[in-house]
Amino acid sequence: MLNKLFSLFSKKENKKDKFPIVHSVAVYKRDTGGMLLFNPLAKHPTGGSAATNKTIILDEEINPEALGTTLRQALVLSESELSWSESIKGDICKDGQVKNMNQFVKKFSCVGVRFWVEKGIYVISPNKKYKSSGYISEKNDPVFEIGINSSEIELGRTLLQAFNHCK
């Protein structure tokens, strides 16, 4: 009887190990001007993702190759921060040179990028501004997929294309 009980728990552990490995970055683009903020995400204990606030700021002429390179760097940071902790400090509003989150949402568009390790693909999802409190994506919003072997230029172009769908 006890062996069957342990057998049940070990099966649950095996299922748990099969969760896909995904690294994520929230990319914010100032609606006026060329500033981009790449904020790597870490897994939160509640099951979602949380910002690491190890923001990479790209405040220069936007070109696809630089965007692709910076995005890959941010995903490496996401990989290194496998789980969120309370010791993570940072302020995305300060990085974006605004006073609070309401101003941040008004001035920046957001695209979510997820790298699915087992599938070897990047999934890039534009988000819409939700009131002045955050960002949402809806069921019929476009989603862009691009393979791991794509060049930095292709990755950057796809990211820029996604920003064209943000509202």
C-alpha atoms as a PDB file:
ATOM      1  CA  MET A   1       0.000   0.000   0.000  1.00  0.00           C
ATOM      2  CA  LEU A   2       2.748   2.412   0.975  1.00  0.00           C
ATOM      3  CA  ASN A   3       4.661   1.594  -2.219  1.00  0.00           C
ATOM      4  CA  LYS A   4       1.586   2.486  -4.298  1.00  0.00           C
ATOM      5  CA  LEU A   5       1.311   5.815  -2.493  1.00  0.00           C
ATOM      6  CA  PHE A   6       4.974   6.615  -3.174  1.00  0.00           C
ATOM      7  CA  SER A   7       4.444   5.501  -6.758  1.00  0.00           C
ATOM      8  CA  LEU A   8       1.639   8.078  -7.128  1.00  0.00           C
ATOM      9  CA  PHE A   9       3.858  10.873  -5.831  1.00  0.00           C
ATOM     10  CA  SER A  10       6.755   9.904  -8.072  1.00  0.00           C
ATOM     11  CA  LYS A  11       4.460  10.001 -11.117  1.00  0.00           C
ATOM     12  CA  LYS A  12       3.366  13.517 -10.171  1.00  0.00           C
ATOM     13  CA  GLU A  13       6.999  14.545  -9.875  1.00  0.00           C
ATOM     14  CA  ASN A  14       7.696  13.151 -13.335  1.00  0.00           C
ATOM     15  CA  LYS A  15       4.818  15.163 -14.798  1.00  0.00           C
ATOM     16  CA  LYS A  16       6.096  18.259 -13.065  1.00  0.00           C
ATOM     17  CA  ASP A  17       9.518  17.807 -14.666  1.00  0.00           C
ATOM     18  CA  LYS A  18       7.896  17.853 -18.115  1.00  0.00           C
ATOM     19  CA  PHE A  19       6.744  21.470 -17.914  1.00  0.00           C
ATOM     20  CA  PRO A  20       8.216  23.341 -20.863  1.00  0.00           C
ATOM     21  CA  ILE A  21      11.201  25.562 -20.223  1.00  0.00           C
ATOM     22  CA  VAL A  22      10.381  29.078 -21.322  1.00  0.00           C
ATOM     23  CA  HIS A  23      12.474  32.230 -20.955  1.00  0.00           C
ATOM     24  CA  SER A  24      10.641  35.554 -21.263  1.00  0.00           C
ATOM     25  CA  VAL A  25      11.312  39.238 -21.792  1.00  0.00           C
ATOM     26  CA  ALA A  26       8.958  42.205 -21.746  1.00  0.00           C
ATOM     27  CA  VAL A  27      10.120  44.753 -24.320  1.00  0.00           C
ATOM     28  CA  TYR A  28       8.875  48.325 -24.001  1.00  0.00           C
ATOM     29  CA  LYS A  29       9.193  50.939 -26.743  1.00  0.00           C
ATOM     30  CA  ARG A  30       8.651  54.630 -26.141  1.00  0.00           C
ATOM     31  CA  ASP A  31       5.832  55.806 -28.418  1.00  0.00           C
ATOM     32  CA  THR A  32       7.800  58.942 -29.310  1.00  0.00           C
ATOM     33  CA  GLY A  33      11.549  58.663 -29.743  1.00  0.00           C
ATOM     34  CA  GLY A  34      13.738  55.613 -29.948  1.00  0.00           C
ATOM     35  CA  MET A  35      14.088  54.325 -26.391  1.00  0.00           C
ATOM     36  CA  LEU A  36      13.571  50.593 -25.830  1.00  0.00           C
ATOM     37  CA  LEU A  37      13.636  48.783 -22.496  1.00  0.00           C
ATOM     38  CA  PHE A  38      14.253  45.030 -22.374  1.00  0.00           C
ATOM     39  CA  ASN A  39      13.091  43.653 -19.009  1.00  0.00           C
ATOM     40  CA  PRO A  40      13.902  39.943 -18.520  1.00  0.00           C
ATOM     41  CA  LEU A  41      11.310  37.951 -16.579  1.00  0.00           C
ATOM     42  CA  ALA A  42      11.754  35.198 -13.990  1.00  0.00           C
ATOM     43  CA  LYS A  43       9.332  32.535 -12.813  1.00  0.00           C
ATOM     44  CA  HIS A  44       7.276  33.762  -9.831  1.00  0.00           C
ATOM     45  CA  PRO A  45       6.406  31.284  -7.040  1.00  0.00           C
ATOM     46  CA  THR A  46       2.698  31.713  -7.864  1.00  0.00           C
ATOM     47  CA  GLY A  47       3.337  30.217 -11.305  1.00  0.00           C
ATOM     48  CA  GLY A  48       3.410  33.368 -13.423  1.00  0.00           C
ATOM     49  CA  SER A  49       6.311  35.582 -14.406  1.00  0.00           C
ATOM     50  CA  ALA A  50       7.740  38.613 -12.664  1.00  0.00           C
ATOM     51  CA  ALA A  51      10.165  41.280 -13.825  1.00  0.00           C
ATOM     52  CA  THR A  52      13.789  40.855 -12.811  1.00  0.00           C
ATOM     53  CA  ASN A  53      14.271  44.603 -13.317  1.00  0.00           C
ATOM     54  CA  LYS A  54      17.690  43.898 -14.815  1.00  0.00           C
ATOM     55  CA  THR A  55      16.635  46.211 -17.599  1.00  0.00           C
ATOM     56  CA  ILE A  56      18.727  46.654 -20.710  1.00  0.00           C
ATOM     57  CA  ILE A  57      18.186  50.139 -22.144  1.00  0.00           C
ATOM     58  CA  LEU A  58      18.628  50.695 -25.856  1.00  0.00           C
ATOM     59  CA  ASP A  59      18.497  54.431 -26.488  1.00  0.00           C
ATOM     60  CA  GLU A  60      20.014  54.823 -29.914  1.00  0.00           C
ATOM     61  CA  GLU A  61      18.972  54.625 -33.515  1.00  0.00           C
ATOM     62  CA  ILE A  62      16.811  51.541 -33.816  1.00  0.00           C
ATOM     63  CA  ASN A  63      18.135  48.965 -36.224  1.00  0.00           C
ATOM     64  CA  PRO A  64      16.959  45.355 -36.481  1.00  0.00           C
ATOM     65  CA  GLU A  65      20.365  43.806 -35.808  1.00  0.00           C
ATOM     66  CA  ALA A  66      20.865  45.728 -32.543  1.00  0.00           C
ATOM     67  CA  LEU A  67      17.317  44.796 -31.473  1.00  0.00           C
ATOM     68  CA  GLY A  68      17.882  41.093 -32.165  1.00  0.00           C
ATOM     69  CA  THR A  69      21.226  41.078 -30.364  1.00  0.00           C
ATOM     70  CA  THR A  70      19.825  42.908 -27.331  1.00  0.00           C
ATOM     71  CA  LEU A  71      16.776  40.630 -27.200  1.00  0.00           C
ATOM     72  CA  ARG A  72      18.996  37.548 -27.096  1.00  0.00           C
ATOM     73  CA  GLN A  73      21.086  39.133 -24.308  1.00  0.00           C
ATOM     74  CA  ALA A  74      17.896  39.794 -22.302  1.00  0.00           C
ATOM     75  CA  LEU A  75      16.766  36.184 -22.769  1.00  0.00           C
ATOM     76  CA  VAL A  76      20.117  34.999 -21.380  1.00  0.00           C
ATOM     77  CA  LEU A  77      19.416  37.125 -18.273  1.00  0.00           C
ATOM     78  CA  SER A  78      15.949  35.554 -18.022  1.00  0.00           C
ATOM     79  CA  GLU A  79      17.564  32.113 -18.170  1.00  0.00           C
ATOM     80  CA  SER A  80      20.004  33.025 -15.385  1.00  0.00           C
ATOM     81  CA  GLU A  81      17.130  34.194 -13.137  1.00  0.00           C
ATOM     82  CA  LEU A  82      15.165  30.966 -13.048  1.00  0.00           C
ATOM     83  CA  SER A  83      13.007  32.112 -10.148  1.00  0.00           C
ATOM     84  CA  TRP A  84      11.960  35.436  -8.705  1.00  0.00           C
ATOM     85  CA  SER A  85      12.967  36.483  -5.205  1.00  0.00           C
ATOM     86  CA  GLU A  86      12.196  39.448  -3.004  1.00  0.00           C
ATOM     87  CA  SER A  87      15.818  40.559  -3.280  1.00  0.00           C
ATOM     88  CA  ILE A  88      15.219  41.627  -6.896  1.00  0.00           C
ATOM     89  CA  LYS A  89      15.217  45.399  -6.969  1.00  0.00           C
ATOM     90  CA  GLY A  90      14.761  47.886  -9.786  1.00  0.00           C
ATOM     91  CA  ASP A  91      12.386  50.470 -11.122  1.00  0.00           C
ATOM     92  CA  ILE A  92      11.112  50.264 -14.688  1.00  0.00           C
ATOM     93  CA  CYS A  93       9.536  53.715 -14.313  1.00  0.00           C
ATOM     94  CA  LYS A  94      12.904  55.227 -13.424  1.00  0.00           C
ATOM     95  CA  ASP A  95      14.500  53.417 -16.376  1.00  0.00           C
ATOM     96  CA  GLY A  96      11.763  54.839 -18.625  1.00  0.00           C
ATOM     97  CA  GLN A  97      12.256  58.329 -17.174  1.00  0.00           C
ATOM     98  CA  VAL A  98       8.668  58.674 -15.938  1.00  0.00           C
ATOM     99  CA  LYS A  99       7.192  59.279 -12.476  1.00  0.00           C
ATOM    100  CA  ASN A 100       4.806  56.346 -12.137  1.00  0.00           C
ATOM    101  CA  MET A 101       3.290  53.306 -13.852  1.00  0.00           C
ATOM    102  CA  ASN A 102       0.327  55.272 -15.238  1.00  0.00           C
ATOM    103  CA  GLN A 103       2.712  57.566 -17.128  1.00  0.00           C
ATOM    104  CA  PHE A 104       4.790  54.573 -18.172  1.00  0.00           C
ATOM    105  CA  VAL A 105       1.791  52.836 -19.789  1.00  0.00           C
ATOM    106  CA  LYS A 106       0.777  56.049 -21.557  1.00  0.00           C
ATOM    107  CA  LYS A 107       4.264  56.556 -23.026  1.00  0.00           C
ATOM    108  CA  PHE A 108       5.423  52.993 -23.783  1.00  0.00           C
ATOM    109  CA  SER A 109       4.082  50.143 -25.917  1.00  0.00           C
ATOM    110  CA  CYS A 110       4.774  46.559 -24.832  1.00  0.00           C
ATOM    111  CA  VAL A 111       5.647  43.336 -26.642  1.00  0.00           C
ATOM    112  CA  GLY A 112       6.079  40.031 -24.839  1.00  0.00           C
ATOM    113  CA  VAL A 113       8.765  37.645 -26.062  1.00  0.00           C
ATOM    114  CA  ARG A 114       8.967  34.019 -24.979  1.00  0.00           C
ATOM    115  CA  PHE A 115      11.661  31.557 -25.994  1.00  0.00           C
ATOM    116  CA  TRP A 116      10.433  27.945 -25.898  1.00  0.00           C
ATOM    117  CA  VAL A 117      13.593  25.929 -25.350  1.00  0.00           C
ATOM    118  CA  GLU A 118      12.295  22.480 -26.417  1.00  0.00           C
ATOM    119  CA  LYS A 119      10.586  23.853 -29.548  1.00  0.00           C
ATOM    120  CA  GLY A 120      13.488  26.154 -30.424  1.00  0.00           C
ATOM    121  CA  ILE A 121      11.173  29.078 -31.254  1.00  0.00           C
ATOM    122  CA  TYR A 122      10.638  32.636 -30.198  1.00  0.00           C
ATOM    123  CA  VAL A 123       7.001  33.636 -29.743  1.00  0.00           C
ATOM    124  CA  ILE A 124       6.498  37.403 -30.001  1.00  0.00           C
ATOM    125  CA  SER A 125       3.168  38.867 -28.866  1.00  0.00           C
ATOM    126  CA  PRO A 126       2.110  42.512 -29.154  1.00  0.00           C
ATOM    127  CA  ASN A 127       0.100  43.894 -26.239  1.00  0.00           C
ATOM    128  CA  LYS A 128      -2.503  46.631 -26.040  1.00  0.00           C
ATOM    129  CA  LYS A 129      -2.549  49.331 -23.421  1.00  0.00           C
ATOM    130  CA  TYR A 130      -5.250  48.670 -20.835  1.00  0.00           C
ATOM    131  CA  LYS A 131      -6.582  51.920 -19.431  1.00  0.00           C
ATOM    132  CA  SER A 132      -3.552  53.428 -17.719  1.00  0.00           C
ATOM    133  CA  SER A 133      -2.762  50.452 -15.529  1.00  0.00           C
ATOM    134  CA  GLY A 134      -1.037  47.918 -17.752  1.00  0.00           C
ATOM    135  CA  TYR A 135      -1.079  45.830 -20.901  1.00  0.00           C
ATOM    136  CA  ILE A 136      -3.230  42.994 -22.220  1.00  0.00           C
ATOM    137  CA  SER A 137      -3.322  40.680 -25.182  1.00  0.00           C
ATOM    138  CA  GLU A 138      -6.520  39.260 -26.591  1.00  0.00           C
ATOM    139  CA  LYS A 139      -7.396  35.993 -28.274  1.00  0.00           C
ATOM    140  CA  ASN A 140      -7.375  37.313 -31.858  1.00  0.00           C
ATOM    141  CA  ASP A 141      -4.214  39.417 -31.550  1.00  0.00           C
ATOM    142  CA  PRO A 142      -1.391  38.456 -33.925  1.00  0.00           C
ATOM    143  CA  VAL A 143       1.421  36.257 -32.651  1.00  0.00           C
ATOM    144  CA  PHE A 144       4.747  35.958 -34.446  1.00  0.00           C
ATOM    145  CA  GLU A 145       6.888  32.816 -34.308  1.00  0.00           C
ATOM    146  CA  ILE A 146      10.475  32.705 -35.442  1.00  0.00           C
ATOM    147  CA  GLY A 147      13.037  29.897 -35.196  1.00  0.00           C
ATOM    148  CA  ILE A 148      16.110  29.828 -33.000  1.00  0.00           C
ATOM    149  CA  ASN A 149      18.379  29.767 -36.068  1.00  0.00           C
ATOM    150  CA  SER A 150      17.075  33.098 -37.330  1.00  0.00           C
ATOM    151  CA  SER A 151      19.556  35.941 -37.589  1.00  0.00           C
ATOM    152  CA  GLU A 152      19.608  38.934 -35.257  1.00  0.00           C
ATOM    153  CA  ILE A 153      18.296  41.021 -38.158  1.00  0.00           C
ATOM    154  CA  GLU A 154      15.290  38.712 -38.685  1.00  0.00           C
ATOM    155  CA  LEU A 155      14.588  38.651 -34.952  1.00  0.00           C
ATOM    156  CA  GLY A 156      14.811  42.456 -34.745  1.00  0.00           C
ATOM    157  CA  ARG A 157      12.545  42.931 -37.776  1.00  0.00           C
ATOM    158  CA  THR A 158       9.949  40.614 -36.258  1.00  0.00           C
ATOM    159  CA  LEU A 159      10.086  42.547 -32.982  1.00  0.00           C
ATOM    160  CA  LEU A 160       9.550  45.841 -34.845  1.00  0.00           C
ATOM    161  CA  GLN A 161       6.673  44.273 -36.789  1.00  0.00           C
ATOM    162  CA  ALA A 162       5.049  43.253 -33.496  1.00  0.00           C
ATOM    163  CA  PHE A 163       5.325  46.829 -32.187  1.00  0.00           C
ATOM    164  CA  ASN A 164       3.321  47.958 -35.232  1.00  0.00           C
ATOM    165  CA  HIS A 165       0.379  45.973 -33.813  1.00  0.00           C
ATOM    166  CA  CYS A 166       0.471  47.564 -30.346  1.00  0.00           C
ATOM    167  CA  LYS A 167      -2.290  50.062 -29.635  1.00  0.00           C
END
